[in-house]
Amino acid sequence: MTLRIAEVALLAGDTETARTAALDAAERFRRQRRPGWTALATVVAVDAESRAGLLTPSRVDAVKQAADTLVRLGLSYPAVAAELVTGRAALATGRLTLARRRLRAAHDRSRGGSVLMRLRGDLAAALAAVADRQPGEALAHCRSGLEHLAQH
C-alpha cells in the first residue's frame, strides 16, 4: 500500500510524499527479503529525489542496482522504467557514460513490449541522443514515440 501511495504522489508531483513513502516501502520490503519489491520502491524513491533535485551519487548507484535486480528477475516493464530513471539520474549527476548505457538499455529492452513500454524506450533513446549531441537522432526517436501513440 505504501508503494502505491508513493507512485500516486509522484504522479501528482508531490515529491516529498513520494520519496518518504517509497523509502518506507523499500525498508519494509527489505526486511521481508523481497528484492523485486525493494527494487521497485527504490526506483520510485530515486525518481522522486531526482525530480526534487536531491540526487546524490550513492542514490544513482542504488537505482542502478535496483534496475539490475529487476532485469535479473525478468520483470521487463519495470526494468525499462528503472533503466530510464537510472539514465536520467546519471545525466542529472553528470555521469554521462552510465547515462548513455542505461538509456540505450531501456530502449533495447522496450522493443516488442507494450505501447507504454515502447514509449519509455523511445524517450530513453531520445535522451541518449541528446546526451550524445545528436539532435536529428533525438527527433527521430520522438517521432517514433508519436507513431507508437498514433497506432494506439
Protein backbone atom coordinates (compact mmCIF):
# COMPACT_ATOMS: atom_id res chain seq x y z
CA MET A 1 0.00 0.00 0.00
CA THR A 2 2.83 2.39 0.85
CA LEU A 3 4.44 1.85 -2.55
CA ARG A 4 1.15 2.64 -4.28
CA ILE A 5 0.88 5.86 -2.24
CA ALA A 6 4.41 6.76 -3.35
CA GLU A 7 3.59 6.13 -7.00
CA VAL A 8 0.40 8.22 -6.87
CA ALA A 9 2.18 11.04 -5.04
CA LEU A 10 4.91 11.03 -7.69
CA LEU A 11 2.32 11.26 -10.46
CA ALA A 12 0.69 14.16 -8.60
CA GLY A 13 4.04 15.96 -8.33
CA ASP A 14 4.30 15.58 -4.55
CA THR A 15 7.93 14.51 -4.48
CA GLU A 16 8.33 14.67 -0.70
CA THR A 17 5.39 12.35 -0.01
CA ALA A 18 6.53 10.08 -2.83
CA ARG A 19 10.08 9.93 -1.51
CA THR A 20 9.07 9.32 2.10
CA ALA A 21 6.50 6.63 1.23
CA ALA A 22 8.85 4.90 -1.22
CA LEU A 23 11.74 4.83 1.26
CA ASP A 24 9.39 3.39 3.88
CA ALA A 25 8.15 0.77 1.44
CA ALA A 26 11.70 -0.14 0.39
CA GLU A 27 12.73 -0.65 4.02
CA ARG A 28 9.67 -2.83 4.72
CA PHE A 29 10.29 -4.94 1.61
CA ARG A 30 13.98 -5.25 2.50
CA ARG A 31 13.09 -6.58 5.96
CA GLN A 32 10.72 -9.07 4.31
CA ARG A 33 13.53 -10.15 1.93
CA ARG A 34 11.55 -9.24 -1.18
CA PRO A 35 14.21 -8.00 -3.61
CA GLY A 36 11.86 -7.26 -6.52
CA TRP A 37 9.57 -5.12 -4.43
CA THR A 38 12.53 -3.44 -2.74
CA ALA A 39 13.88 -2.57 -6.18
CA LEU A 40 10.53 -1.16 -7.33
CA ALA A 41 10.29 1.06 -4.26
CA THR A 42 13.89 2.21 -4.68
CA VAL A 43 13.18 3.29 -8.26
CA VAL A 44 10.22 5.40 -7.12
CA ALA A 45 12.26 6.93 -4.28
CA VAL A 46 15.15 7.89 -6.57
CA ASP A 47 12.76 9.20 -9.22
CA ALA A 48 11.21 11.46 -6.56
CA GLU A 49 14.64 12.56 -5.36
CA SER A 50 15.68 13.33 -8.92
CA ARG A 51 12.59 15.43 -9.57
CA ALA A 52 13.17 17.29 -6.28
CA GLY A 53 16.83 17.96 -7.07
CA LEU A 54 18.03 15.81 -4.16
CA LEU A 55 20.18 13.27 -6.00
CA THR A 56 23.50 12.05 -4.69
CA PRO A 57 25.95 9.68 -6.39
CA SER A 58 25.06 6.94 -3.89
CA ARG A 59 21.39 7.19 -4.85
CA VAL A 60 22.31 6.86 -8.54
CA ASP A 61 24.16 3.68 -7.58
CA ALA A 62 21.12 2.49 -5.62
CA VAL A 63 18.76 2.89 -8.59
CA LYS A 64 21.32 1.24 -10.87
CA GLN A 65 21.35 -1.78 -8.53
CA ALA A 66 17.55 -1.76 -8.43
CA ALA A 67 17.40 -1.79 -12.23
CA ASP A 68 19.87 -4.70 -12.30
CA THR A 69 17.68 -6.60 -9.84
CA LEU A 70 14.56 -6.07 -11.96
CA VAL A 71 16.42 -7.23 -15.09
CA ARG A 72 17.75 -10.29 -13.26
CA LEU A 73 14.22 -11.14 -12.09
CA GLY A 74 12.92 -10.88 -15.66
CA LEU A 75 10.48 -8.05 -14.89
CA SER A 76 10.60 -6.39 -18.30
CA TYR A 77 8.31 -3.39 -17.92
CA PRO A 78 9.62 -2.31 -14.51
CA ALA A 79 13.18 -2.91 -15.76
CA VAL A 80 12.65 -0.49 -18.66
CA ALA A 81 11.22 2.11 -16.27
CA ALA A 82 14.14 1.57 -13.88
CA GLU A 83 16.71 1.89 -16.65
CA LEU A 84 15.07 5.17 -17.71
CA VAL A 85 15.15 6.52 -14.15
CA THR A 86 18.77 5.40 -13.81
CA GLY A 87 19.72 7.10 -17.05
CA ARG A 88 18.00 10.34 -16.09
CA ALA A 89 19.59 10.29 -12.63
CA ALA A 90 23.00 9.64 -14.14
CA LEU A 91 22.50 12.55 -16.56
CA ALA A 92 21.50 14.82 -13.70
CA THR A 93 24.69 13.99 -11.80
CA GLY A 94 26.99 14.25 -14.81
CA ARG A 95 27.66 10.53 -15.19
CA LEU A 96 27.28 10.55 -18.96
CA THR A 97 28.77 7.13 -19.72
CA LEU A 98 26.43 5.44 -17.26
CA ALA A 99 23.51 7.53 -18.53
CA ARG A 100 24.08 6.59 -22.15
CA ARG A 101 24.47 2.89 -21.34
CA ARG A 102 21.31 2.74 -19.22
CA LEU A 103 19.20 4.80 -21.60
CA ARG A 104 20.22 2.60 -24.51
CA ALA A 105 19.47 -0.49 -22.42
CA ALA A 106 15.97 0.85 -21.72
CA HIS A 107 15.43 1.38 -25.43
CA ASP A 108 16.71 -2.09 -26.32
CA ARG A 109 14.59 -3.80 -23.65
CA SER A 110 11.46 -1.94 -24.75
CA ARG A 111 11.36 -3.44 -28.23
CA GLY A 112 8.41 -5.73 -28.72
CA GLY A 113 6.79 -4.61 -25.46
CA SER A 114 3.54 -2.83 -24.77
CA VAL A 115 2.96 0.63 -26.21
CA LEU A 116 3.79 2.26 -22.86
CA MET A 117 6.98 0.25 -22.65
CA ARG A 118 7.99 1.27 -26.17
CA LEU A 119 7.20 4.92 -25.38
CA ARG A 120 9.57 4.78 -22.42
CA GLY A 121 12.14 3.20 -24.69
CA ASP A 122 11.71 5.95 -27.28
CA LEU A 123 12.10 8.59 -24.57
CA ALA A 124 15.23 6.86 -23.29
CA ALA A 125 16.72 6.72 -26.79
CA ALA A 126 15.90 10.39 -27.36
CA LEU A 127 17.59 11.36 -24.10
CA ALA A 128 20.66 9.30 -25.01
CA ALA A 129 20.80 11.06 -28.38
CA VAL A 130 20.58 14.46 -26.68
CA ALA A 131 23.43 13.41 -24.37
CA ASP A 132 25.40 12.45 -27.49
CA ARG A 133 24.58 15.85 -29.06
CA GLN A 134 22.69 14.17 -31.90
CA PRO A 135 19.55 16.31 -32.29
CA GLY A 136 18.45 14.62 -35.51
CA GLU A 137 18.57 11.23 -33.87
CA ALA A 138 16.70 12.59 -30.83
CA LEU A 139 13.94 13.90 -33.10
CA ALA A 140 13.75 10.54 -34.88
CA HIS A 141 13.12 8.80 -31.55
CA CYS A 142 10.50 11.41 -30.65
CA ARG A 143 8.77 10.74 -33.98
CA SER A 144 8.90 7.02 -33.26
CA GLY A 145 7.14 7.62 -29.95
CA LEU A 146 4.45 9.69 -31.63
CA GLU A 147 3.97 6.91 -34.20
CA HIS A 148 3.53 4.38 -31.40
CA LEU A 149 0.90 6.63 -29.84
CA ALA A 150 -0.89 7.11 -33.16
CA GLN A 151 -1.15 3.34 -33.61
CA HIS A 152 -2.98 3.01 -30.32
